[in-house]
């Protein structure tokens, strides 16, 4: 499978004339509607729009052409509606990896070479447990994978393991 995660940030001038970056629900819904023109598998996940495009790649001439066409449609939409927006896009084999990469790109961090090196905070299921995980030395997805599964399930609950398995592609995503 191939997933693309997208976020739009509109630049709105404040009272001092400087621009502020905001993420609008309307912008995310517009992205969702445009994404539906490329694949029926589109979802809103927090502030991101995710789309599964593996079934559409051949129709649009591959991932590069599909992504370019998608971005052209998005830019045309924002221009037509007199909106200035920056669109951030990340792609990966699962939606959770794509969302994690999107978060890193948005904050200006470098993307790790391996999924196991993704920072812990990029997996939403870890958020309630971040402080404890950091105190135990877990800073990446790989660190969490290195812990005994039974202990992780007892301490943090099965949903954390399920999210990690879904992110790695070992379990289907809902």
Protein backbone atom coordinates (compact mmCIF):
# COMPACT_ATOMS: atom_id res chain seq x y z
CA UNK A 1 0.00 0.00 0.00
CA UNK A 2 0.99 3.60 -0.48
CA UNK A 3 -0.34 6.41 1.70
CA UNK A 4 -0.09 10.17 1.30
CA UNK A 5 -0.67 12.54 4.22
CA UNK A 6 -1.45 16.21 3.55
CA UNK A 7 -1.87 19.37 5.60
CA UNK A 8 -2.59 22.91 4.48
CA UNK A 9 -1.48 25.97 6.37
CA UNK A 10 -2.90 29.29 5.33
CA UNK A 11 -0.89 32.43 5.88
CA UNK A 12 -3.06 35.13 7.41
CA UNK A 13 -1.69 38.61 8.05
CA UNK A 14 -1.94 39.77 11.66
CA UNK A 15 -2.25 43.35 12.93
CA UNK A 16 1.50 43.93 12.61
CA UNK A 17 1.54 42.84 8.96
CA UNK A 18 3.41 39.61 9.62
CA UNK A 19 1.92 36.31 8.57
CA UNK A 20 0.66 33.64 10.92
CA UNK A 21 0.37 29.99 9.99
CA UNK A 22 -2.97 28.41 10.84
CA UNK A 23 -4.54 25.11 9.95
CA UNK A 24 -8.16 25.58 8.94
CA UNK A 25 -10.82 22.88 9.17
CA UNK A 26 -12.29 24.23 5.94
CA UNK A 27 -8.92 23.87 4.22
CA UNK A 28 -8.61 20.28 5.42
CA UNK A 29 -12.12 19.49 4.18
CA UNK A 30 -11.29 21.06 0.82
CA UNK A 31 -8.19 18.88 0.59
CA UNK A 32 -10.34 15.85 1.43
CA UNK A 33 -12.81 16.67 -1.32
CA UNK A 34 -10.05 17.14 -3.89
CA UNK A 35 -8.32 13.94 -2.72
CA UNK A 36 -11.54 12.01 -3.39
CA UNK A 37 -10.97 12.77 -7.07
CA UNK A 38 -7.86 10.57 -6.90
CA UNK A 39 -8.95 7.74 -4.60
CA UNK A 40 -12.05 6.73 -2.64
CA UNK A 41 -9.89 5.93 0.40
CA UNK A 42 -9.57 9.32 2.09
CA UNK A 43 -9.83 10.11 5.80
CA UNK A 44 -9.30 12.99 8.19
CA UNK A 45 -6.86 12.04 10.97
CA UNK A 46 -6.51 14.90 13.40
CA UNK A 47 -5.21 17.85 11.39
CA UNK A 48 -4.08 15.70 8.48
CA UNK A 49 -5.81 14.25 5.46
CA UNK A 50 -4.63 10.75 4.59
CA UNK A 51 -5.29 8.96 1.33
CA UNK A 52 -4.44 5.43 0.25
CA UNK A 53 -3.39 5.65 -3.40
CA UNK A 54 -1.95 2.27 -4.37
CA UNK A 55 -5.08 1.43 -6.41
CA UNK A 56 -4.83 4.74 -8.29
CA UNK A 57 -1.14 4.77 -9.19
CA UNK A 58 -1.48 3.08 -12.57
CA UNK A 59 -4.44 5.26 -13.53
CA UNK A 60 -2.49 8.47 -12.89
CA UNK A 61 0.91 7.31 -14.18
CA UNK A 62 2.68 6.57 -10.91
CA UNK A 63 3.20 8.20 -7.55
CA UNK A 64 5.22 11.15 -8.82
CA UNK A 65 2.62 12.15 -11.41
CA UNK A 66 -0.28 11.58 -9.03
CA UNK A 67 1.34 13.75 -6.35
CA UNK A 68 2.14 16.50 -8.87
CA UNK A 69 -1.43 16.47 -10.21
CA UNK A 70 -2.86 16.49 -6.68
CA UNK A 71 -0.73 19.46 -5.69
CA UNK A 72 -1.68 21.31 -8.90
CA UNK A 73 -5.37 20.80 -8.12
CA UNK A 74 -4.87 21.99 -4.54
CA UNK A 75 -2.92 25.09 -5.56
CA UNK A 76 -5.53 25.92 -8.20
CA UNK A 77 -8.31 25.59 -5.63
CA UNK A 78 -6.58 27.86 -3.11
CA UNK A 79 -5.70 30.41 -5.81
CA UNK A 80 -9.26 30.42 -7.19
CA UNK A 81 -10.58 31.12 -3.69
CA UNK A 82 -7.98 33.84 -3.04
CA UNK A 83 -6.30 31.90 -0.27
CA UNK A 84 -2.59 31.68 0.35
CA UNK A 85 -1.72 28.24 1.61
CA UNK A 86 1.34 26.12 2.07
CA UNK A 87 0.68 22.44 1.50
CA UNK A 88 2.87 19.89 3.25
CA UNK A 89 2.87 16.33 1.90
CA UNK A 90 4.45 13.11 3.13
CA UNK A 91 4.12 9.57 1.82
CA UNK A 92 4.79 6.14 3.25
CA UNK A 93 3.72 2.52 3.28
CA UNK A 94 1.19 3.11 6.12
CA UNK A 95 -0.92 6.09 7.10
CA UNK A 96 0.66 6.31 10.56
CA UNK A 97 4.16 6.53 9.13
CA UNK A 98 2.98 9.15 6.62
CA UNK A 99 1.40 11.20 9.43
CA UNK A 100 4.58 10.89 11.52
CA UNK A 101 6.72 12.05 8.59
CA UNK A 102 4.29 14.92 7.97
CA UNK A 103 4.71 16.06 11.58
CA UNK A 104 8.49 15.97 11.27
CA UNK A 105 8.46 17.86 7.96
CA UNK A 106 6.08 20.50 9.33
CA UNK A 107 8.37 21.18 12.29
CA UNK A 108 11.51 21.23 10.12
CA UNK A 109 13.05 18.01 11.46
CA UNK A 110 15.00 15.64 9.26
CA UNK A 111 13.27 12.42 8.28
CA UNK A 112 14.94 9.34 9.75
CA UNK A 113 16.26 6.75 7.32
CA UNK A 114 14.46 3.92 9.13
CA UNK A 115 10.91 3.77 10.49
CA UNK A 116 12.31 2.36 13.73
CA UNK A 117 14.11 5.71 14.22
CA UNK A 118 10.89 7.75 14.12
CA UNK A 119 10.57 9.83 17.31
CA UNK A 120 8.06 8.50 19.81
CA UNK A 121 5.89 11.64 19.73
CA UNK A 122 5.04 11.05 16.04
CA UNK A 123 2.82 8.09 16.96
CA UNK A 124 -0.40 9.51 18.44
CA UNK A 125 -1.09 6.40 20.55
CA UNK A 126 2.04 7.16 22.61
CA UNK A 127 0.96 10.68 23.63
CA UNK A 128 -0.69 9.67 26.95
CA UNK A 129 2.46 7.73 27.88
CA UNK A 130 5.26 9.95 26.55
CA UNK A 131 6.64 11.02 29.93
CA UNK A 132 6.87 7.46 31.24
CA UNK A 133 8.27 6.14 27.96
CA UNK A 134 10.99 8.81 27.96
CA UNK A 135 11.92 7.99 31.56
CA UNK A 136 12.36 4.35 30.54
CA UNK A 137 14.66 5.39 27.70
CA UNK A 138 12.17 4.93 24.85
CA UNK A 139 12.61 7.77 22.40
CA UNK A 140 11.92 6.01 19.10
CA UNK A 141 9.49 3.46 17.73
CA UNK A 142 12.35 0.95 17.64
CA UNK A 143 13.03 1.48 21.35
CA UNK A 144 9.41 0.61 22.10
CA UNK A 145 9.60 -2.44 19.84
CA UNK A 146 12.63 -3.61 21.81
CA UNK A 147 10.62 -3.89 25.03
CA UNK A 148 8.85 -7.14 25.94
CA UNK A 149 5.36 -7.05 24.36
CA UNK A 150 3.62 -8.52 27.39
CA UNK A 151 5.08 -5.85 29.65
CA UNK A 152 4.15 -3.06 27.26
CA UNK A 153 0.58 -4.40 27.03
CA UNK A 154 0.27 -4.59 30.83
CA UNK A 155 1.80 -1.19 31.47
CA UNK A 156 0.44 0.88 28.58
CA UNK A 157 -2.43 -1.19 27.19
CA UNK A 158 -3.00 -3.20 24.04
CA UNK A 159 -4.04 -0.15 21.94
CA UNK A 160 -0.45 1.14 21.98
CA UNK A 161 0.86 -2.16 20.63
CA UNK A 162 -1.95 -2.28 18.08
CA UNK A 163 -1.07 1.22 16.82
CA UNK A 164 2.60 0.27 16.58
CA UNK A 165 1.71 -2.91 14.68
CA UNK A 166 -0.57 -0.94 12.33
CA UNK A 167 2.17 1.62 11.72
CA UNK A 168 4.61 -1.15 10.81
CA UNK A 169 2.08 -2.87 8.54
CA UNK A 170 1.92 -6.01 10.71
CA UNK A 171 -1.77 -5.38 11.42
CA UNK A 172 -4.41 -3.89 9.10
CA UNK A 173 -5.35 -0.24 9.58
CA UNK A 174 -9.02 0.60 10.19
